[in-house]
Structure formats: C-alpha cells, structure tokens
Amino acid sequence: MSRSASTGSLNLARRLIDGEQIVVGANPGQVSPISPATDPNGAILDLNAATPDQLEQLPGVGEVLAARIAEFRTSRGGFTSIDQLREVSGIGPRKFEEIKPKVRV
C-alpha cells in the first residue's frame, strides 16, 4: 500500500481469506484482475468469515443458498465443523461433496 492510498472505503475489520490479496493505491491496469492468489476457483473459503457474495462462488451455491449458509452461521454462533453444512437446507449429499474441498472452518 502506498502512503498516499486512501483506506477510507476499506473494511479494515474484515478477515482475509488465506491467499487473498487486496491491492490498495494501485493505478488501474497495474494489477491483473485475476491472479492465482485471488482466483475464486482456487480459494478455500472460511465458512465463518466468508461474505454471502464469496459463498456464491462455491459450486452450486446461489444467492438464496449463500444467505441460508450465512443465516445458519449467525444463528449457531459459527460453524465448528465443515460437516455442519449438511444441516443447511438445500445442501444435499452431492452438493456437500462438491463444496467440502473448497471450504474450511
């Protein structure tokens, strides 16, 4: 981050996902929009920290299911195990197997 970069629009309290990079103060075109560290297909999401928008990047997860996962997390005080995803309405055995390698707690 350059000293002249404005951090006013950043949520400094948001947890970063392992491997995630946030570029602050770079001119447009200086940074590739997708790099191995920020490629959503390769990222492992923390179920307790991911936003609904990030959850939508998981296979088979749309806006409604992402909201259900976030609501489950809120109502239970967070996930303690990936297996708890099976308790979320709309996640069956096949979808769970697709999501499982892409998440952590």
Protein backbone atom coordinates (compact mmCIF):
# COMPACT_ATOMS: atom_id res chain seq x y z
CA MET A 1 0.00 0.00 0.00
CA SER A 2 1.37 3.38 -0.92
CA ARG A 3 1.39 6.15 1.67
CA SER A 4 -0.95 8.20 -0.49
CA ALA A 5 -3.54 5.40 -0.78
CA SER A 6 -6.90 6.15 0.77
CA THR A 7 -8.17 3.44 3.11
CA GLY A 8 -11.46 5.21 3.84
CA SER A 9 -13.54 2.81 1.74
CA LEU A 10 -11.89 -0.35 3.09
CA ASN A 11 -13.48 -2.52 5.75
CA LEU A 12 -10.41 -2.89 7.94
CA ALA A 13 -12.23 -5.29 10.26
CA ARG A 14 -13.00 -7.88 7.56
CA ARG A 15 -10.97 -11.07 7.79
CA LEU A 16 -8.96 -12.03 4.76
CA ILE A 17 -9.19 -15.48 3.28
CA ASP A 18 -5.93 -17.41 3.10
CA GLY A 19 -4.16 -16.38 -0.08
CA GLU A 20 -6.40 -13.37 -0.70
CA GLN A 21 -4.72 -10.15 -1.71
CA ILE A 22 -6.21 -6.69 -1.56
CA VAL A 23 -4.41 -4.08 -3.57
CA VAL A 24 -4.75 -0.53 -2.28
CA GLY A 25 -3.49 2.53 -4.07
CA ALA A 26 -2.56 0.88 -7.39
CA ASN A 27 -3.49 2.55 -10.63
CA PRO A 28 -5.99 0.68 -12.80
CA GLY A 29 -4.14 -1.63 -15.16
CA GLN A 30 -1.20 -2.13 -12.80
CA VAL A 31 -2.77 -5.22 -11.25
CA SER A 32 -4.12 -8.24 -13.07
CA PRO A 33 -7.81 -8.74 -12.17
CA ILE A 34 -7.26 -12.48 -11.59
CA SER A 35 -4.11 -13.94 -10.17
CA PRO A 36 -3.50 -17.36 -8.62
CA ALA A 37 -3.81 -15.85 -5.16
CA THR A 38 -7.16 -14.20 -5.87
CA ASP A 39 -8.69 -16.72 -8.28
CA PRO A 40 -12.03 -17.64 -6.66
CA ASN A 41 -11.85 -21.14 -8.17
CA GLY A 42 -8.70 -21.91 -6.21
CA ALA A 43 -9.57 -20.12 -2.96
CA ILE A 44 -10.57 -22.01 0.15
CA LEU A 45 -13.30 -20.08 1.95
CA ASP A 46 -13.59 -19.86 5.71
CA LEU A 47 -17.25 -20.64 6.45
CA ASN A 48 -17.13 -18.35 9.48
CA ALA A 49 -15.68 -15.35 7.66
CA ALA A 50 -16.86 -15.51 4.04
CA THR A 51 -19.40 -12.97 2.88
CA PRO A 52 -22.56 -14.14 1.08
CA ASP A 53 -21.03 -12.87 -2.18
CA GLN A 54 -17.96 -15.03 -1.58
CA LEU A 55 -20.12 -18.04 -0.70
CA GLU A 56 -21.87 -17.67 -4.07
CA GLN A 57 -18.56 -18.57 -5.72
CA LEU A 58 -18.87 -22.11 -4.37
CA PRO A 59 -20.16 -24.75 -6.81
CA GLY A 60 -23.94 -24.88 -6.86
CA VAL A 61 -24.36 -22.02 -4.38
CA GLY A 62 -26.52 -19.12 -5.48
CA GLU A 63 -27.83 -16.09 -3.68
CA VAL A 64 -30.51 -17.96 -1.71
CA LEU A 65 -28.25 -20.79 -0.54
CA ALA A 66 -25.47 -18.35 0.37
CA ALA A 67 -27.98 -16.46 2.53
CA ARG A 68 -29.03 -19.74 4.20
CA ILE A 69 -25.40 -20.59 4.98
CA ALA A 70 -24.83 -17.12 6.45
CA GLU A 71 -28.06 -17.35 8.48
CA PHE A 72 -27.10 -20.80 9.79
CA ARG A 73 -23.71 -19.39 10.83
CA THR A 74 -25.31 -16.42 12.58
CA SER A 75 -27.97 -18.44 14.38
CA ARG A 76 -25.49 -21.07 15.62
CA GLY A 77 -22.63 -18.78 16.56
CA GLY A 78 -20.48 -20.03 13.69
CA PHE A 79 -19.50 -23.32 12.16
CA THR A 80 -17.40 -25.69 14.27
CA SER A 81 -17.14 -28.31 11.52
CA ILE A 82 -17.48 -28.44 7.75
CA ASP A 83 -19.92 -31.33 8.25
CA GLN A 84 -22.44 -28.85 9.67
CA LEU A 85 -23.05 -27.68 6.09
CA ARG A 86 -25.21 -30.82 5.76
CA GLU A 87 -27.65 -29.21 8.20
CA VAL A 88 -28.22 -26.21 5.92
CA SER A 89 -31.46 -26.53 3.96
CA GLY A 90 -30.66 -27.06 0.28
CA ILE A 91 -27.33 -28.82 0.74
CA GLY A 92 -27.70 -32.49 -0.07
CA PRO A 93 -25.01 -35.18 -0.16
CA ARG A 94 -23.85 -34.42 -3.71
CA LYS A 95 -23.66 -30.65 -3.24
CA PHE A 96 -21.87 -31.16 0.09
CA GLU A 97 -19.20 -33.29 -1.64
CA GLU A 98 -18.70 -30.54 -4.26
CA ILE A 99 -18.39 -27.78 -1.64
CA LYS A 100 -16.40 -29.67 1.01
CA PRO A 101 -12.91 -29.32 -0.56
CA LYS A 102 -13.42 -25.59 -1.11
CA VAL A 103 -14.23 -24.58 2.48
CA ARG A 104 -12.71 -24.63 5.96
CA VAL A 105 -13.61 -23.52 9.48
